[in-house]
Amino acid sequence: MKKLLILLPLLFIGFYGCENVDFGDTNVDDDAVTQADAQALMAGAMNRFFTLGGREYVARPTLYVQYQSQNVYTDESRYNEAPSTWTGYYVQTLSNLKKVVDINSQDEVPISVTVYGAPTNQIGVAELMSVLIWKRVTDSFGPVPYEGALGEENLTPAYTGQETIYRDLIARAKTARDMLDANLPGPTGDVVYGGDVTKWQKFANSFIMSLSMQLTKKFPGASGFAATEFSAALNHSAGPIEEVADEFWYQHQNVSGATNPYSNFRGADYSLSAPFVDALSGESGNTGTIGYSNTTYDERLVLFSSDTSLAGRPYGYESTSGTYAAISSAIKAPDAPFPYMTAAYTYLNRAEAAELGWTSEVPADMFQEGVNKSFETLDAHFVGDGSLEAEATNYVTNRVIDYGTEGALQVIREEKWVALFPNGHDAWSEWRRTGIPTLTPAAEPLNNGNIPRRYLYPADEAGVNTEAYNAGVNMLTPGQDSNTSRFWWDID
């Protein structure tokens, strides 16, 4: 009886506790974020991409194109075959930028979003930044998760073929460029151009031109897809990048989250390579370290090298003794700027396009302008007193002679290799497309002795996303997840 008397009140309490009760905002955190911050998402994505560090994200391509040699841990410069990573590109970078596009594409965009810039301008800049990153991803791996890859529900996205990706990137870049409106507020999360969408339009045209130029193996003709897209971008009303003031540079800061990743590499681990130093010293023909036509001392080496009295380190050996030049403190300082699209590269692309018959521009004029702009922009960003720019005249004069005697395309492409320094990723893409400069593979390789054409897919893809991974591998030539397999634009 006592047990029953105790049980009845408990049952009563239990039944009462099951009743739905509205407690209002008792459990609502007043400080919680309820709306995605478009400004923070855009700035965060940009800063994350520009500061990704480590061997795969920064160092490895500089080794493949022989800007640098490794001193101690020489596995990458000797072409080891190991899985790479792409997490830094997808997570909090591409995903952030997609979120910016999504929240600005609502039927009614709230003022909490438009306060950071006109929705069309936020979308346009986010899309152009995405295209830049996607090119890096597919140029590194080949076929990759692309269509549907950023969906939160899809954990095993399919791999998209590279031709589809490239065609879509060009289309997306054009659409983004044309939705930008200088009469409306630019995005406040833009850490590159500070919301200046006119400069983003110029970047878009230069970038479309570089995307098109990457396809010369697949569409070499003057009436083909690549030439048509190149010419359309060149002749677009906004124009391409032609002046240093319009170039796409990221200014690193010596603070957490914005530091130059080159500054984190130990000086004892990397040196400038002998082929790079010899080429810029005008000594390549005497040493045989590289097939390169220049015989004139290139004053850009003074900026690039830590000590021009030192030679570059022999490339691709397990161990060599000696003291060698390294990348200068100016280039690898924590707050050093870094180029992603310059007038020099744009003009050199125009020179090559004209030489291929894609445009009616005068190739030699574009070539001279490109080399001059390389000196000018380096002076503006690192020297500042005009002294380096003044050194261009003699060098350009002699390179124009080489242009006539050694072959226009060879000299144009050699100068791209220098103008892109230290941007290893774009230089690697150019080298795979053209084979210029002529690089001697590592002397003591860990693979079959061929300079890598791609990265291996991340280690967990074969086990977690097996079907898509196998389909991606089958799109390579040969169909193996190897660093010497080739993908679509790299196949003649």
Protein backbone atom coordinates (compact mmCIF):
# COMPACT_ATOMS: atom_id res chain seq x y z
CA MET A 1 0.00 0.00 0.00
CA LYS A 2 2.87 2.39 0.82
CA LYS A 3 4.49 1.51 -2.53
CA LEU A 4 1.25 2.33 -4.37
CA LEU A 5 0.92 5.70 -2.66
CA ILE A 6 4.45 6.59 -3.72
CA LEU A 7 3.93 5.39 -7.30
CA LEU A 8 0.75 7.38 -7.98
CA PRO A 9 2.36 10.84 -7.53
CA LEU A 10 5.28 9.77 -9.73
CA LEU A 11 2.95 8.65 -12.50
CA PHE A 12 1.07 11.94 -12.23
CA ILE A 13 4.31 13.88 -12.59
CA GLY A 14 5.34 11.70 -15.51
CA PHE A 15 2.10 12.27 -17.42
CA TYR A 16 2.26 16.00 -16.77
CA GLY A 17 5.85 16.09 -17.99
CA CYS A 18 4.78 14.73 -21.37
CA GLU A 19 2.60 17.76 -22.03
CA ASN A 20 3.97 20.20 -24.66
CA VAL A 21 4.95 23.43 -22.97
CA ASP A 22 6.06 26.59 -24.78
CA PHE A 23 9.05 28.01 -22.93
CA GLY A 24 9.44 30.89 -25.38
CA ASP A 25 13.06 31.96 -26.04
CA THR A 26 14.38 30.53 -22.80
CA ASN A 27 16.83 28.26 -24.63
CA VAL A 28 17.76 30.68 -27.41
CA ASP A 29 21.36 31.88 -27.38
CA ASP A 30 21.24 35.61 -28.00
CA ASP A 31 24.84 35.52 -29.21
CA ALA A 32 24.39 32.66 -31.71
CA VAL A 33 24.86 33.30 -35.43
CA THR A 34 21.52 32.96 -37.25
CA GLN A 35 22.56 34.25 -40.69
CA ALA A 36 25.70 33.33 -42.63
CA ASP A 37 28.10 36.27 -42.80
CA ALA A 38 28.81 36.77 -46.51
CA GLN A 39 31.72 39.11 -45.85
CA ALA A 40 33.44 36.65 -43.53
CA LEU A 41 32.76 33.71 -45.83
CA MET A 42 34.33 35.44 -48.82
CA ALA A 43 37.33 36.86 -46.96
CA GLY A 44 37.87 33.56 -45.18
CA ALA A 45 37.84 31.57 -48.42
CA MET A 46 40.29 33.94 -50.10
CA ASN A 47 42.67 34.10 -47.18
CA ARG A 48 42.59 30.34 -46.75
CA PHE A 49 43.39 29.64 -50.40
CA PHE A 50 46.19 32.19 -50.63
CA THR A 51 47.89 30.97 -47.46
CA LEU A 52 47.65 27.20 -47.91
CA GLY A 53 51.11 25.90 -47.09
CA GLY A 54 53.11 22.71 -47.16
CA ARG A 55 54.65 20.59 -49.85
CA GLU A 56 51.56 19.86 -51.98
CA TYR A 57 50.03 23.31 -51.85
CA VAL A 58 53.21 25.30 -52.45
CA ALA A 59 56.56 23.57 -52.78
CA ARG A 60 56.07 20.57 -55.03
CA PRO A 61 55.31 22.40 -58.31
CA THR A 62 58.31 24.69 -57.78
CA LEU A 63 60.41 21.53 -57.70
CA TYR A 64 58.82 19.99 -60.79
CA VAL A 65 59.55 23.11 -62.88
CA GLN A 66 63.00 23.37 -61.28
CA TYR A 67 62.64 26.75 -59.66
CA GLN A 68 63.97 25.05 -56.52
CA SER A 69 66.00 22.02 -55.46
CA GLN A 70 65.66 20.17 -52.18
CA ASN A 71 68.65 20.00 -49.89
CA VAL A 72 67.85 17.33 -47.31
CA TYR A 73 64.46 15.67 -47.81
CA THR A 74 64.69 15.18 -51.57
CA ASP A 75 61.73 12.87 -52.20
CA GLU A 76 59.52 15.36 -54.09
CA SER A 77 62.33 16.63 -56.31
CA ARG A 78 63.04 12.99 -57.16
CA TYR A 79 59.38 12.34 -58.00
CA ASN A 80 58.16 10.09 -55.21
CA GLU A 81 54.71 8.61 -55.80
CA ALA A 82 52.57 9.38 -52.77
CA PRO A 83 48.91 10.38 -52.39
CA SER A 84 48.24 14.11 -52.21
CA THR A 85 45.48 16.12 -50.57
CA TRP A 86 42.82 18.51 -51.85
CA THR A 87 41.01 19.20 -48.58
CA GLY A 88 42.30 22.77 -48.39
CA TYR A 89 40.67 23.57 -51.72
CA TYR A 90 37.26 22.11 -50.93
CA VAL A 91 36.82 22.82 -47.22
CA GLN A 92 36.21 26.43 -46.13
CA THR A 93 37.34 27.66 -49.55
CA LEU A 94 35.18 26.42 -52.42
CA SER A 95 32.47 25.54 -49.90
CA ASN A 96 32.55 29.05 -48.44
CA LEU A 97 32.34 30.67 -51.87
CA LYS A 98 29.40 28.47 -52.83
CA LYS A 99 27.64 29.61 -49.67
CA VAL A 100 28.21 33.24 -50.69
CA VAL A 101 26.59 32.50 -54.04
CA ASP A 102 23.69 30.63 -52.42
CA ILE A 103 22.74 33.27 -49.86
CA ASN A 104 22.92 36.00 -52.51
CA SER A 105 20.72 33.98 -54.89
CA GLN A 106 17.65 33.91 -52.65
CA ASP A 107 14.40 35.33 -54.02
CA GLU A 108 14.61 38.01 -51.37
CA VAL A 109 18.15 38.69 -50.18
CA PRO A 110 18.00 40.09 -46.62
CA ILE A 111 19.64 43.37 -45.72
CA SER A 112 21.98 41.44 -43.45
CA VAL A 113 23.53 40.12 -46.70
CA THR A 114 23.24 43.13 -49.02
CA VAL A 115 25.03 45.29 -46.47
CA TYR A 116 28.19 43.52 -47.70
CA GLY A 117 27.67 44.54 -51.33
CA ALA A 118 25.20 44.16 -54.17
CA PRO A 119 24.19 40.49 -54.51
CA THR A 120 25.25 40.30 -58.18
CA ASN A 121 28.68 41.67 -57.34
CA GLN A 122 29.11 39.28 -54.43
CA ILE A 123 28.12 36.37 -56.65
CA GLY A 124 30.37 37.50 -59.51
CA VAL A 125 33.47 37.84 -57.36
CA ALA A 126 32.78 34.58 -55.50
CA GLU A 127 32.38 32.78 -58.81
CA LEU A 128 35.59 34.19 -60.28
CA MET A 129 37.48 33.21 -57.17
CA SER A 130 35.95 29.73 -57.39
CA VAL A 131 37.04 29.39 -61.03
CA LEU A 132 40.60 30.27 -60.03
CA ILE A 133 40.61 27.54 -57.38
CA TRP A 134 38.94 24.94 -59.58
CA LYS A 135 41.62 25.41 -62.23
CA ARG A 136 44.24 24.69 -59.59
CA VAL A 137 42.42 21.53 -58.52
CA THR A 138 41.90 20.02 -61.96
CA ASP A 139 45.36 21.05 -63.19
CA SER A 140 46.84 19.21 -60.22
CA PHE A 141 44.83 15.98 -60.34
CA GLY A 142 42.91 15.79 -63.64
CA PRO A 143 39.33 14.48 -63.34
CA VAL A 144 38.03 15.50 -59.90
CA PRO A 145 34.76 15.74 -57.96
CA TYR A 146 33.22 18.86 -59.50
CA GLU A 147 29.52 18.68 -60.35
CA GLY A 148 27.72 18.25 -57.06
CA ALA A 149 30.98 18.02 -55.13
CA LEU A 150 30.03 20.80 -52.72
CA GLY A 151 26.60 19.47 -51.80
CA GLU A 152 26.27 18.79 -48.08
CA GLU A 153 24.33 15.56 -48.66
CA ASN A 154 26.61 14.02 -51.30
CA LEU A 155 29.49 12.26 -49.58
CA THR A 156 30.59 10.28 -52.66
CA PRO A 157 30.54 12.73 -55.56
CA ALA A 158 31.32 11.57 -59.08
CA TYR A 159 34.50 12.60 -60.83
CA THR A 160 33.98 14.99 -63.75
CA GLY A 161 36.11 14.76 -66.88
CA GLN A 162 38.51 17.63 -67.44
CA GLU A 163 37.09 18.77 -70.76
CA THR A 164 33.71 19.29 -69.10
CA ILE A 165 35.37 21.14 -66.23
CA TYR A 166 37.38 23.46 -68.48
CA ARG A 167 34.44 24.33 -70.72
CA ASP A 168 32.33 25.04 -67.65
CA LEU A 169 35.02 27.17 -65.99
CA ILE A 170 35.24 29.37 -69.08
CA ALA A 171 31.44 29.69 -69.19
CA ARG A 172 31.25 30.48 -65.47
CA ALA A 173 33.99 33.08 -65.74
CA LYS A 174 32.16 34.84 -68.58
CA THR A 175 28.86 34.80 -66.72
CA ALA A 176 30.45 36.11 -63.53
CA ARG A 177 32.32 38.84 -65.39
CA ASP A 178 29.19 40.06 -67.12
CA MET A 179 27.07 40.24 -63.97
CA LEU A 180 29.53 42.58 -62.27
CA ASP A 181 28.30 46.17 -62.11
CA ALA A 182 30.61 49.04 -61.14
CA ASN A 183 27.56 51.22 -60.45
CA LEU A 184 26.59 48.99 -57.53
CA PRO A 185 28.49 48.40 -54.26
CA GLY A 186 31.28 45.87 -54.53
CA PRO A 187 31.75 43.05 -52.00
CA THR A 188 33.34 44.12 -48.73
CA GLY A 189 34.80 40.64 -48.22
CA ASP A 190 37.09 41.06 -51.23
CA VAL A 191 40.68 40.99 -49.92
CA VAL A 192 42.23 41.25 -53.39
CA TYR A 193 40.70 44.28 -55.11
CA GLY A 194 38.81 45.78 -52.19
CA GLY A 195 35.48 45.51 -53.98
CA ASP A 196 36.65 47.09 -57.26
CA VAL A 197 34.61 45.00 -59.69
CA THR A 198 36.08 46.75 -62.74
CA LYS A 199 39.43 45.19 -61.88
CA TRP A 200 37.72 41.84 -61.35
CA GLN A 201 36.36 42.10 -64.90
CA LYS A 202 39.86 42.69 -66.26
CA PHE A 203 41.10 39.73 -64.24
CA ALA A 204 38.27 37.62 -65.65
CA ASN A 205 39.33 38.39 -69.21
CA SER A 206 42.99 37.66 -68.52
CA PHE A 207 42.02 34.46 -66.74
CA ILE A 208 39.76 33.29 -69.58
CA MET A 209 42.68 33.93 -71.92
CA SER A 210 44.95 31.78 -69.76
CA LEU A 211 42.31 29.02 -69.54
CA SER A 212 42.01 29.07 -73.33
CA MET A 213 45.77 29.06 -73.86
CA GLN A 214 46.03 25.96 -71.68
CA LEU A 215 44.07 24.08 -74.36
CA THR A 216 46.48 24.47 -77.29
CA LYS A 217 47.07 20.71 -77.46
CA LYS A 218 43.36 20.06 -77.87
CA PHE A 219 42.33 23.09 -79.96
CA PRO A 220 45.40 24.45 -81.78
CA GLY A 221 43.62 26.03 -84.73
CA ALA A 222 42.76 29.70 -85.18
CA SER A 223 39.07 28.89 -85.57
CA GLY A 224 38.89 26.37 -82.74
CA PHE A 225 37.22 26.64 -79.36
CA ALA A 226 40.32 27.89 -77.50
CA ALA A 227 41.20 30.60 -80.03
CA THR A 228 37.60 31.78 -80.19
CA GLU A 229 37.32 32.12 -76.42
CA PHE A 230 40.72 33.79 -76.20
CA SER A 231 39.83 36.41 -78.81
CA ALA A 232 36.44 37.10 -77.27
CA ALA A 233 38.02 37.77 -73.87
CA LEU A 234 40.76 39.92 -75.39
CA ASN A 235 38.19 42.05 -77.22
CA HIS A 236 35.67 42.26 -74.37
CA SER A 237 34.71 45.83 -73.49
CA ALA A 238 36.30 45.63 -70.04
CA GLY A 239 39.64 44.56 -71.55
CA PRO A 240 42.29 42.31 -69.97
CA ILE A 241 44.93 43.29 -67.42
CA GLU A 242 47.39 45.63 -69.12
CA GLU A 243 48.75 47.73 -66.27
CA VAL A 244 50.47 46.84 -63.02
CA ALA A 245 47.79 48.70 -61.06
CA ASP A 246 45.17 46.20 -62.26
CA GLU A 247 47.11 43.03 -61.52
CA PHE A 248 45.91 40.27 -59.21
CA TRP A 249 48.33 40.07 -56.28
CA TYR A 250 47.61 38.83 -52.78
CA GLN A 251 49.28 40.88 -50.07
CA HIS A 252 50.28 38.57 -47.23
CA GLN A 253 50.34 39.92 -43.70
CA ASN A 254 52.67 38.91 -40.90
CA VAL A 255 49.72 37.80 -38.79
CA SER A 256 48.06 34.46 -38.16
CA GLY A 257 45.88 33.39 -41.08
CA ALA A 258 47.48 35.68 -43.65
CA THR A 259 51.19 34.74 -43.60
CA ASN A 260 53.17 33.95 -46.73
CA PRO A 261 53.50 30.13 -46.78
CA TYR A 262 56.99 30.41 -48.30
CA SER A 263 58.13 31.93 -45.01
CA ASN A 264 57.41 28.66 -43.22
CA PHE A 265 59.87 26.61 -45.24
CA ARG A 266 63.18 26.00 -43.51
CA GLY A 267 66.05 27.65 -45.29
CA ALA A 268 68.11 24.50 -44.85
CA ASP A 269 65.62 22.47 -46.90
CA TYR A 270 65.43 24.38 -50.20
CA SER A 271 67.78 26.15 -52.60
CA LEU A 272 67.28 27.78 -55.97
CA SER A 273 67.95 25.12 -58.58
CA ALA A 274 71.02 25.18 -60.80
CA PRO A 275 68.87 25.16 -63.98
CA PHE A 276 66.97 28.28 -62.87
CA VAL A 277 70.07 30.20 -61.80
CA ASP A 278 71.99 29.18 -64.93
CA ALA A 279 69.12 30.22 -67.21
CA LEU A 280 68.84 33.67 -65.66
CA SER A 281 72.60 34.07 -65.54
CA GLY A 282 72.81 33.48 -69.28
CA GLU A 283 74.97 30.42 -68.64
CA SER A 284 72.57 27.63 -69.54
CA GLY A 285 74.31 26.93 -72.83
CA ASN A 286 77.64 26.50 -71.08
CA THR A 287 76.52 24.26 -68.24
CA GLY A 288 74.01 21.99 -69.94
CA THR A 289 71.66 21.97 -66.93
CA ILE A 290 68.70 23.20 -68.97
CA GLY A 291 67.65 23.78 -72.57
CA TYR A 292 67.25 27.58 -72.55
CA SER A 293 68.14 30.15 -75.20
CA ASN A 294 69.07 33.17 -73.05
CA THR A 295 72.71 34.31 -73.02
CA THR A 296 72.15 37.67 -71.26
CA TYR A 297 72.33 38.20 -67.51
CA ASP A 298 68.79 38.67 -66.22
CA GLU A 299 68.70 41.27 -63.43
CA ARG A 300 65.54 39.69 -62.05
CA LEU A 301 67.85 37.11 -60.53
CA VAL A 302 69.11 39.81 -58.13
CA LEU A 303 65.61 39.98 -56.68
CA PHE A 304 64.94 36.25 -56.77
CA SER A 305 68.22 35.02 -55.28
CA SER A 306 69.47 35.29 -51.72
CA ASP A 307 73.03 35.67 -53.03
CA THR A 308 73.89 36.04 -56.71
CA SER A 309 77.50 35.08 -56.03
CA LEU A 310 76.29 31.56 -55.26
CA ALA A 311 75.34 28.91 -57.77
CA GLY A 312 72.05 27.05 -57.78
CA ARG A 313 71.87 23.59 -56.28
CA PRO A 314 72.18 20.63 -58.68
CA TYR A 315 68.70 19.24 -59.26
CA GLY A 316 67.30 15.83 -58.41
CA TYR A 317 70.07 14.23 -56.41
CA GLU A 318 69.65 12.41 -53.12
CA SER A 319 72.53 14.36 -51.61
CA THR A 320 75.07 16.94 -52.72
CA SER A 321 77.37 19.05 -50.60
CA GLY A 322 78.03 22.75 -50.90
CA THR A 323 76.51 26.17 -50.24
CA TYR A 324 73.89 27.35 -52.70
CA ALA A 325 71.65 30.32 -53.34
CA ALA A 326 68.09 30.23 -52.00
CA ILE A 327 64.93 32.21 -52.67
CA SER A 328 65.51 35.75 -51.46
CA SER A 329 64.12 37.10 -48.22
CA ALA A 330 62.05 39.58 -50.23
CA ILE A 331 60.09 36.80 -51.95
CA LYS A 332 59.64 34.60 -48.88
CA ALA A 333 59.10 37.28 -46.22
CA PRO A 334 56.01 36.65 -44.06
CA ASP A 335 54.32 39.74 -45.50
CA ALA A 336 55.54 39.41 -49.10
CA PRO A 337 53.00 39.83 -51.92
CA PHE A 338 52.31 36.98 -54.34
CA PRO A 339 51.21 37.19 -58.02
CA TYR A 340 48.23 35.28 -59.40
CA MET A 341 47.60 37.17 -62.65
CA THR A 342 49.86 39.88 -64.05
CA ALA A 343 50.07 42.13 -67.08
CA ALA A 344 53.33 40.39 -67.98
CA TYR A 345 51.71 36.94 -68.18
CA THR A 346 48.74 38.38 -70.06
CA TYR A 347 50.94 40.06 -72.67
CA LEU A 348 53.02 36.91 -73.10
CA ASN A 349 49.82 34.93 -73.64
CA ARG A 350 48.84 37.52 -76.24
CA ALA A 351 52.25 37.12 -77.89
CA GLU A 352 51.80 33.37 -78.10
CA ALA A 353 48.22 33.67 -79.35
CA ALA A 354 49.34 36.06 -82.09
CA GLU A 355 52.20 33.75 -83.06
CA LEU A 356 49.71 30.86 -83.30
CA GLY A 357 47.53 32.95 -85.60
CA TRP A 358 44.70 33.28 -83.10
CA THR A 359 44.73 37.11 -83.23
CA SER A 360 45.96 39.87 -85.53
CA GLU A 361 48.22 41.46 -82.89
CA VAL A 362 51.95 41.78 -83.61
CA PRO A 363 53.64 38.93 -81.68
CA ALA A 364 56.98 40.71 -81.15
CA ASP A 365 55.26 43.81 -79.77
CA MET A 366 53.29 41.73 -77.28
CA PHE A 367 56.45 39.84 -76.34
CA GLN A 368 58.44 43.00 -75.60
CA GLU A 369 55.58 44.45 -73.60
CA GLY A 370 55.30 41.25 -71.60
CA VAL A 371 58.96 41.11 -70.61
CA ASN A 372 59.02 44.84 -69.79
CA LYS A 373 55.94 44.44 -67.60
CA SER A 374 57.61 41.60 -65.71
CA PHE A 375 60.43 43.91 -64.66
CA GLU A 376 57.99 46.73 -63.95
CA THR A 377 55.69 44.76 -61.66
CA LEU A 378 58.56 43.19 -59.71
CA ASP A 379 60.05 46.64 -59.20
CA ALA A 380 56.68 48.02 -58.05
CA HIS A 381 56.02 45.22 -55.57
CA PHE A 382 59.49 44.51 -54.19
CA VAL A 383 61.96 47.29 -55.04
CA GLY A 384 59.98 50.48 -55.49
CA ASP A 385 62.64 52.83 -56.85
CA GLY A 386 62.57 52.04 -60.56
CA SER A 387 66.05 50.53 -60.56
CA LEU A 388 64.97 47.03 -61.59
CA GLU A 389 62.60 48.35 -64.25
CA ALA A 390 65.48 50.34 -65.74
CA GLU A 391 67.43 47.12 -66.25
CA ALA A 392 64.84 45.76 -68.66
CA THR A 393 65.96 47.65 -71.76
CA ASN A 394 69.21 45.81 -72.48
CA TYR A 395 67.75 42.44 -71.57
CA VAL A 396 64.68 42.90 -73.76
CA THR A 397 66.81 44.03 -76.70
CA ASN A 398 68.86 40.85 -76.55
CA ARG A 399 65.83 38.63 -76.04
CA VAL A 400 64.21 40.12 -79.14
CA ILE A 401 67.30 38.93 -81.03
CA ASP A 402 66.81 35.46 -79.52
CA TYR A 403 63.15 35.74 -80.52
CA GLY A 404 64.22 35.97 -84.15
CA THR A 405 67.02 33.43 -84.12
CA GLU A 406 65.92 30.75 -81.63
CA GLY A 407 62.23 30.66 -82.47
CA ALA A 408 59.42 32.91 -81.28
CA LEU A 409 57.35 30.31 -79.43
CA GLN A 410 60.36 28.94 -77.58
CA VAL A 411 61.45 32.36 -76.33
CA ILE A 412 57.89 33.44 -75.42
CA ARG A 413 57.40 30.29 -73.39
CA GLU A 414 60.81 30.59 -71.72
CA GLU A 415 59.92 34.10 -70.62
CA LYS A 416 56.64 32.87 -69.18
CA TRP A 417 58.63 30.50 -66.99
CA VAL A 418 60.55 33.43 -65.53
CA ALA A 419 57.60 35.84 -65.37
CA LEU A 420 55.54 33.33 -63.36
CA PHE A 421 58.19 32.82 -60.65
CA PRO A 422 57.55 31.85 -57.86
CA ASN A 423 54.07 30.66 -58.89
CA GLY A 424 54.95 27.01 -59.34
CA HIS A 425 51.44 25.78 -60.08
CA ASP A 426 50.91 27.96 -63.15
CA ALA A 427 54.47 27.38 -64.33
CA TRP A 428 53.96 23.61 -64.02
CA SER A 429 50.76 23.84 -66.10
CA GLU A 430 52.60 25.85 -68.75
CA TRP A 431 55.51 23.40 -68.83
CA ARG A 432 53.23 20.37 -69.20
CA ARG A 433 51.49 22.12 -72.09
CA THR A 434 54.62 23.20 -73.95
CA GLY A 435 57.65 21.28 -72.66
CA ILE A 436 59.54 24.59 -72.49
CA PRO A 437 62.04 25.18 -71.04
CA THR A 438 63.67 21.84 -71.73
CA LEU A 439 64.16 20.35 -68.28
CA THR A 440 66.41 17.41 -67.50
CA PRO A 441 64.60 14.98 -65.15
CA ALA A 442 65.95 14.19 -61.71
CA ALA A 443 69.25 12.32 -61.77
CA GLU A 444 68.23 9.88 -59.03
CA PRO A 445 64.45 9.50 -59.45
CA LEU A 446 62.08 7.51 -57.27
CA ASN A 447 59.63 6.86 -60.08
CA ASN A 448 60.48 5.84 -63.65
CA GLY A 449 62.48 8.99 -64.27
CA ASN A 450 59.79 11.20 -65.84
CA ILE A 451 58.85 14.62 -64.49
CA PRO A 452 55.40 14.29 -62.88
CA ARG A 453 52.36 15.28 -64.90
CA ARG A 454 49.85 15.21 -62.02
CA TYR A 455 49.28 14.53 -58.32
CA LEU A 456 48.03 11.18 -57.04
CA TYR A 457 44.50 11.23 -55.65
CA PRO A 458 44.05 11.48 -51.85
CA ALA A 459 44.64 8.20 -50.03
CA ASP A 460 41.07 7.69 -48.78
CA GLU A 461 39.36 8.16 -52.16
CA ALA A 462 39.93 4.58 -53.34
CA GLY A 463 38.29 3.17 -50.20
CA VAL A 464 35.60 5.74 -49.40
CA ASN A 465 34.56 6.90 -52.89
CA THR A 466 35.57 3.77 -54.77
CA GLU A 467 33.26 3.86 -57.79
CA ALA A 468 33.92 7.52 -58.54
CA TYR A 469 37.65 7.10 -57.94
CA ASN A 470 37.87 4.19 -60.37
CA ALA A 471 35.97 6.18 -62.99
CA GLY A 472 38.37 9.08 -62.54
CA VAL A 473 41.43 6.85 -62.89
CA ASN A 474 39.98 5.31 -66.05
CA MET A 475 39.88 8.80 -67.60
CA LEU A 476 43.68 9.07 -67.29
CA THR A 477 46.21 7.87 -69.87
CA PRO A 478 47.29 5.29 -68.98
CA GLY A 479 44.44 4.44 -66.59
CA GLN A 480 46.60 4.38 -63.48
CA ASP A 481 46.71 6.67 -60.45
CA SER A 482 50.32 7.55 -61.18
CA ASN A 483 52.22 10.84 -61.26
CA THR A 484 53.21 10.16 -64.88
CA SER A 485 49.68 9.47 -66.16
CA ARG A 486 48.21 12.26 -68.27
CA PHE A 487 44.81 13.88 -68.35
CA TRP A 488 42.76 15.52 -71.08
CA TRP A 489 44.53 18.81 -71.90
CA ASP A 490 47.96 17.21 -71.46
CA ILE A 491 47.41 14.66 -74.24
CA ASP A 492 48.45 15.60 -77.79
